[in-house]
Amino acid sequence: MATGQDNHNGSFSGEMRSLNLDVPEFSGDFRSMNYPQLAQAKRLVENSLDHLFGLLHDTYKFDMTSPLVVNGFPRRDVDVVSVRLIRSNIIRLRNDHSAILGQLQIHLTQQLQASANSSVVGQEKPESGELSTSKNLNLHSEAFAFVNDVTSNSPAEKAGLIIGDRILSFDGDICYWNHNNLTALAARAKAKKDTQVPVEVLRDSNRKTLILVPTENWPGRGLLGCHIIPL
């Protein structure tokens, strides 16, 4: 026997389906997610918000603030039920987005602190004959950039870069002391368009060398398809 609550839930779900609202719902606490999971959740929420705002503005010709009730009665020129449902989902996803951004900031701060604590450069002065080798090792021992987003099907993803990688060197000689707030990396990527570029990264405690091909020949924007920030 169906209860009133069952009927309400069924009606709500049916309305969601009729509006084609594929809205993500997250179980548990964002605090239990790791950085890649949070980044994926952020993308899902932002894509859903874009879709919902498109429906609200383009399909229903409405916004988030205009009244749905006039003189105590629902407006007749607006699909009140659909607009309310869309608004409700937008508000919920905005709250989720704020919570996710807060957790991403916490993870990023922890990553930066761990990187700073693990950096030990030039503790011993090498003999003159060892200077060149020791210098090269030191130059690539400290990460200078952090990968905090990778777009699907991008050159970065095809190279094997993942969220959380810390970049030690780019094209062999761009490293922590000469990247110039990543402008040197950007210039090199442009100069090496459609050419293989070795990228040395630190993943957890393991060094990996990946081969990246900067290119515009992919559906997204930019040459790399990832977002990196200086450390």
Protein backbone atom coordinates (compact mmCIF):
# COMPACT_ATOMS: atom_id res chain seq x y z
CA MET A 1 0.00 0.00 0.00
CA ALA A 2 1.47 3.36 -1.05
CA THR A 3 1.68 6.05 1.59
CA GLY A 4 1.43 9.78 1.09
CA GLN A 5 5.20 10.06 1.53
CA ASP A 6 5.74 7.38 -1.14
CA ASN A 7 3.49 9.26 -3.51
CA HIS A 8 5.34 12.48 -2.78
CA ASN A 9 8.74 10.87 -3.41
CA GLY A 10 7.52 9.26 -6.58
CA SER A 11 6.07 12.52 -7.82
CA PHE A 12 9.30 14.35 -6.99
CA SER A 13 11.45 11.76 -8.78
CA GLY A 14 9.14 11.79 -11.75
CA GLU A 15 9.35 15.55 -11.98
CA MET A 16 13.15 15.34 -11.80
CA ARG A 17 13.19 12.86 -14.67
CA SER A 18 10.77 14.89 -16.75
CA LEU A 19 13.07 17.90 -16.44
CA ASN A 20 16.12 15.81 -17.36
CA LEU A 21 17.90 16.88 -14.16
CA ASP A 22 20.91 14.63 -13.76
CA VAL A 23 21.93 16.23 -10.48
CA PRO A 24 24.73 14.59 -8.48
CA GLU A 25 24.07 13.58 -4.89
CA PHE A 26 26.96 12.87 -2.55
CA SER A 27 26.75 10.37 0.28
CA GLY A 28 28.83 10.95 3.38
CA ASP A 29 31.01 13.88 4.28
CA PHE A 30 33.26 15.80 1.89
CA ARG A 31 35.88 15.68 4.65
CA SER A 32 36.30 11.96 3.97
CA MET A 33 37.22 12.54 0.30
CA ASN A 34 40.79 12.75 -0.99
CA TYR A 35 41.98 15.46 -3.39
CA PRO A 36 41.17 13.62 -6.68
CA GLN A 37 37.70 12.72 -5.41
CA LEU A 38 37.04 16.33 -4.41
CA ALA A 39 38.26 17.62 -7.77
CA GLN A 40 35.95 15.19 -9.57
CA ALA A 41 33.03 16.21 -7.35
CA LYS A 42 33.79 19.88 -8.09
CA ARG A 43 33.61 19.24 -11.85
CA LEU A 44 30.33 17.32 -11.50
CA VAL A 45 28.76 20.09 -9.43
CA GLU A 46 29.92 22.87 -11.77
CA ASN A 47 28.63 21.00 -14.85
CA SER A 48 25.27 20.46 -13.14
CA LEU A 49 25.03 24.12 -12.12
CA ASP A 50 25.73 25.19 -15.72
CA HIS A 51 22.96 22.87 -16.91
CA LEU A 52 20.47 24.06 -14.28
CA PHE A 53 21.12 27.75 -14.91
CA GLY A 54 20.73 27.10 -18.64
CA LEU A 55 17.33 25.50 -18.01
CA LEU A 56 16.23 28.28 -15.71
CA HIS A 57 17.29 31.16 -17.95
CA ASP A 58 16.89 29.76 -21.47
CA THR A 59 14.00 27.31 -21.15
CA TYR A 60 11.87 28.84 -18.40
CA LYS A 61 12.98 32.49 -18.92
CA PHE A 62 13.31 32.98 -15.18
CA ASP A 63 15.92 33.73 -12.53
CA MET A 64 16.75 32.97 -8.90
CA THR A 65 15.10 35.99 -7.30
CA SER A 66 11.85 36.89 -9.06
CA PRO A 67 8.69 35.98 -7.07
CA LEU A 68 6.71 32.90 -8.04
CA VAL A 69 3.64 34.02 -6.07
CA VAL A 70 1.78 37.27 -6.69
CA ASN A 71 -0.98 38.47 -4.37
CA GLY A 72 -1.00 35.09 -2.66
CA PHE A 73 -1.47 33.09 -5.87
CA PRO A 74 1.06 31.17 -8.02
CA ARG A 75 1.92 33.00 -11.21
CA ARG A 76 0.19 31.68 -14.31
CA ASP A 77 2.86 32.79 -16.74
CA VAL A 78 5.52 30.54 -15.15
CA ASP A 79 5.87 26.79 -14.60
CA VAL A 80 6.07 27.28 -10.84
CA VAL A 81 6.73 23.62 -9.92
CA SER A 82 9.61 23.24 -12.37
CA VAL A 83 11.22 26.55 -11.46
CA ARG A 84 11.01 25.74 -7.74
CA LEU A 85 12.61 22.37 -8.34
CA ILE A 86 15.44 23.87 -10.37
CA ARG A 87 16.04 26.61 -7.81
CA SER A 88 16.10 24.08 -4.98
CA ASN A 89 18.75 22.02 -6.74
CA ILE A 90 20.82 25.11 -7.55
CA ILE A 91 20.82 26.16 -3.89
CA ARG A 92 21.83 22.67 -2.75
CA LEU A 93 24.62 22.41 -5.33
CA ARG A 94 25.90 25.88 -4.45
CA ASN A 95 26.21 24.74 -0.84
CA ASP A 96 27.99 21.57 -1.97
CA HIS A 97 30.33 23.65 -4.15
CA SER A 98 31.29 25.88 -1.23
CA ALA A 99 31.95 22.86 0.98
CA ILE A 100 34.08 21.20 -1.72
CA LEU A 101 36.15 24.34 -2.29
CA GLY A 102 36.78 24.57 1.44
CA GLN A 103 38.06 20.98 1.57
CA LEU A 104 40.18 21.46 -1.56
CA GLN A 105 41.83 24.46 0.09
CA ILE A 106 42.59 22.37 3.18
CA HIS A 107 44.15 19.59 1.08
CA LEU A 108 46.16 22.08 -0.97
CA THR A 109 47.51 23.76 2.15
CA GLN A 110 48.54 20.36 3.52
CA GLN A 111 50.26 19.46 0.23
CA LEU A 112 52.17 22.73 0.15
CA GLN A 113 53.24 22.31 3.77
CA ALA A 114 54.39 18.74 3.12
CA SER A 115 56.36 19.92 0.10
CA ALA A 116 58.03 22.68 2.12
CA ASN A 117 58.89 20.31 4.98
CA SER A 118 60.41 17.70 2.66
CA SER A 119 62.63 20.14 0.76
CA VAL A 120 66.28 19.75 1.72
CA VAL A 121 68.60 21.52 -0.68
CA GLY A 122 72.36 21.85 -0.53
CA GLN A 123 72.97 20.65 2.98
CA GLU A 124 76.54 19.57 2.17
CA LYS A 125 79.01 21.40 0.01
CA PRO A 126 80.26 19.04 -2.73
CA GLU A 127 83.83 18.61 -3.84
CA SER A 128 84.68 20.58 -6.98
CA GLY A 129 84.70 17.45 -9.15
CA GLU A 130 81.16 16.58 -8.03
CA LEU A 131 79.69 20.03 -8.47
CA SER A 132 77.98 19.52 -11.83
CA THR A 133 76.32 16.20 -10.94
CA SER A 134 75.30 17.35 -7.47
CA LYS A 135 73.89 20.60 -8.84
CA ASN A 136 71.75 18.77 -11.41
CA LEU A 137 70.38 16.44 -8.74
CA ASN A 138 69.53 19.34 -6.46
CA LEU A 139 67.82 21.29 -9.24
CA HIS A 140 65.35 18.44 -9.77
CA SER A 141 64.93 17.52 -6.11
CA GLU A 142 62.36 20.18 -5.29
CA ALA A 143 58.94 20.33 -6.89
CA PHE A 144 57.95 23.72 -8.30
CA ALA A 145 54.36 23.10 -9.43
CA PHE A 146 51.32 21.17 -8.28
CA VAL A 147 48.74 19.62 -10.64
CA ASN A 148 45.31 20.40 -9.20
CA ASP A 149 43.11 19.58 -12.21
CA VAL A 150 43.39 17.46 -15.38
CA THR A 151 40.81 17.65 -18.17
CA SER A 152 39.53 14.42 -19.70
CA ASN A 153 41.04 13.47 -23.09
CA SER A 154 43.58 16.28 -22.80
CA PRO A 155 47.29 16.09 -23.70
CA ALA A 156 48.05 16.06 -19.97
CA GLU A 157 45.76 13.08 -19.32
CA LYS A 158 47.18 11.19 -22.32
CA ALA A 159 50.68 11.78 -20.93
CA GLY A 160 49.61 10.23 -17.63
CA LEU A 161 49.52 13.34 -15.44
CA ILE A 162 47.07 13.05 -12.56
CA ILE A 163 45.75 15.37 -9.89
CA GLY A 164 48.23 15.59 -7.04
CA ASP A 165 51.37 15.18 -9.15
CA ARG A 166 54.18 17.58 -8.23
CA ILE A 167 56.35 18.68 -11.13
CA LEU A 168 60.11 18.44 -10.62
CA SER A 169 61.26 19.40 -14.12
CA PHE A 170 59.77 20.29 -17.49
CA ASP A 171 61.65 19.57 -20.71
CA GLY A 172 64.78 18.70 -18.79
CA ASP A 173 65.92 22.11 -17.61
CA ILE A 174 62.92 24.08 -16.32
CA CYS A 175 62.85 23.52 -12.58
CA TYR A 176 62.19 25.23 -9.24
CA TRP A 177 64.82 27.96 -9.55
CA ASN A 178 64.08 29.19 -13.10
CA HIS A 179 60.38 28.55 -13.80
CA ASN A 180 59.61 32.24 -13.09
CA ASN A 181 56.16 31.69 -11.62
CA LEU A 182 55.45 29.12 -14.39
CA THR A 183 55.93 31.62 -17.23
CA ALA A 184 59.00 29.72 -18.43
CA LEU A 185 56.98 26.49 -18.51
CA ALA A 186 54.18 28.14 -20.50
CA ALA A 187 56.64 29.62 -22.99
CA ARG A 188 58.41 26.28 -23.42
CA ALA A 189 55.12 24.45 -23.95
CA LYS A 190 54.24 26.91 -26.70
CA ALA A 191 57.69 26.58 -28.29
CA LYS A 192 57.44 22.77 -28.17
CA LYS A 193 53.93 22.52 -29.60
CA ASP A 194 53.32 19.10 -31.16
CA THR A 195 56.70 17.90 -29.86
CA GLN A 196 57.43 15.36 -27.13
CA VAL A 197 58.41 16.98 -23.82
CA PRO A 198 59.71 14.97 -20.85
CA VAL A 199 58.05 15.91 -17.57
CA GLU A 200 59.49 14.60 -14.31
CA VAL A 201 56.95 14.39 -11.50
CA LEU A 202 56.85 13.28 -7.90
CA ARG A 203 53.83 11.06 -7.22
CA ASP A 204 53.54 10.17 -3.57
CA SER A 205 57.21 9.39 -2.90
CA ASN A 206 58.01 8.04 -6.38
CA ARG A 207 59.65 9.88 -9.26
CA LYS A 208 58.13 9.34 -12.69
CA THR A 209 59.11 10.67 -16.11
CA LEU A 210 56.16 11.25 -18.42
CA ILE A 211 56.12 12.25 -22.09
CA LEU A 212 53.80 15.17 -22.78
CA VAL A 213 52.95 16.51 -26.24
CA PRO A 214 51.60 20.09 -25.99
CA THR A 215 49.03 20.51 -28.75
CA GLU A 216 45.90 22.37 -29.76
CA ASN A 217 44.64 19.26 -31.54
CA TRP A 218 42.11 18.23 -28.92
CA PRO A 219 38.54 19.37 -28.08
CA GLY A 220 39.45 21.54 -25.08
CA ARG A 221 41.33 24.79 -24.59
CA GLY A 222 45.05 25.38 -24.23
CA LEU A 223 48.07 23.26 -25.08
CA LEU A 224 48.16 21.06 -21.98
CA GLY A 225 44.63 20.59 -20.65
CA CYS A 226 45.58 20.74 -17.01
CA HIS A 227 45.70 23.36 -14.28
CA ILE A 228 48.91 23.70 -12.34
CA ILE A 229 49.89 26.13 -9.62
CA PRO A 230 53.36 27.18 -8.46
CA LEU A 231 54.61 25.87 -5.14
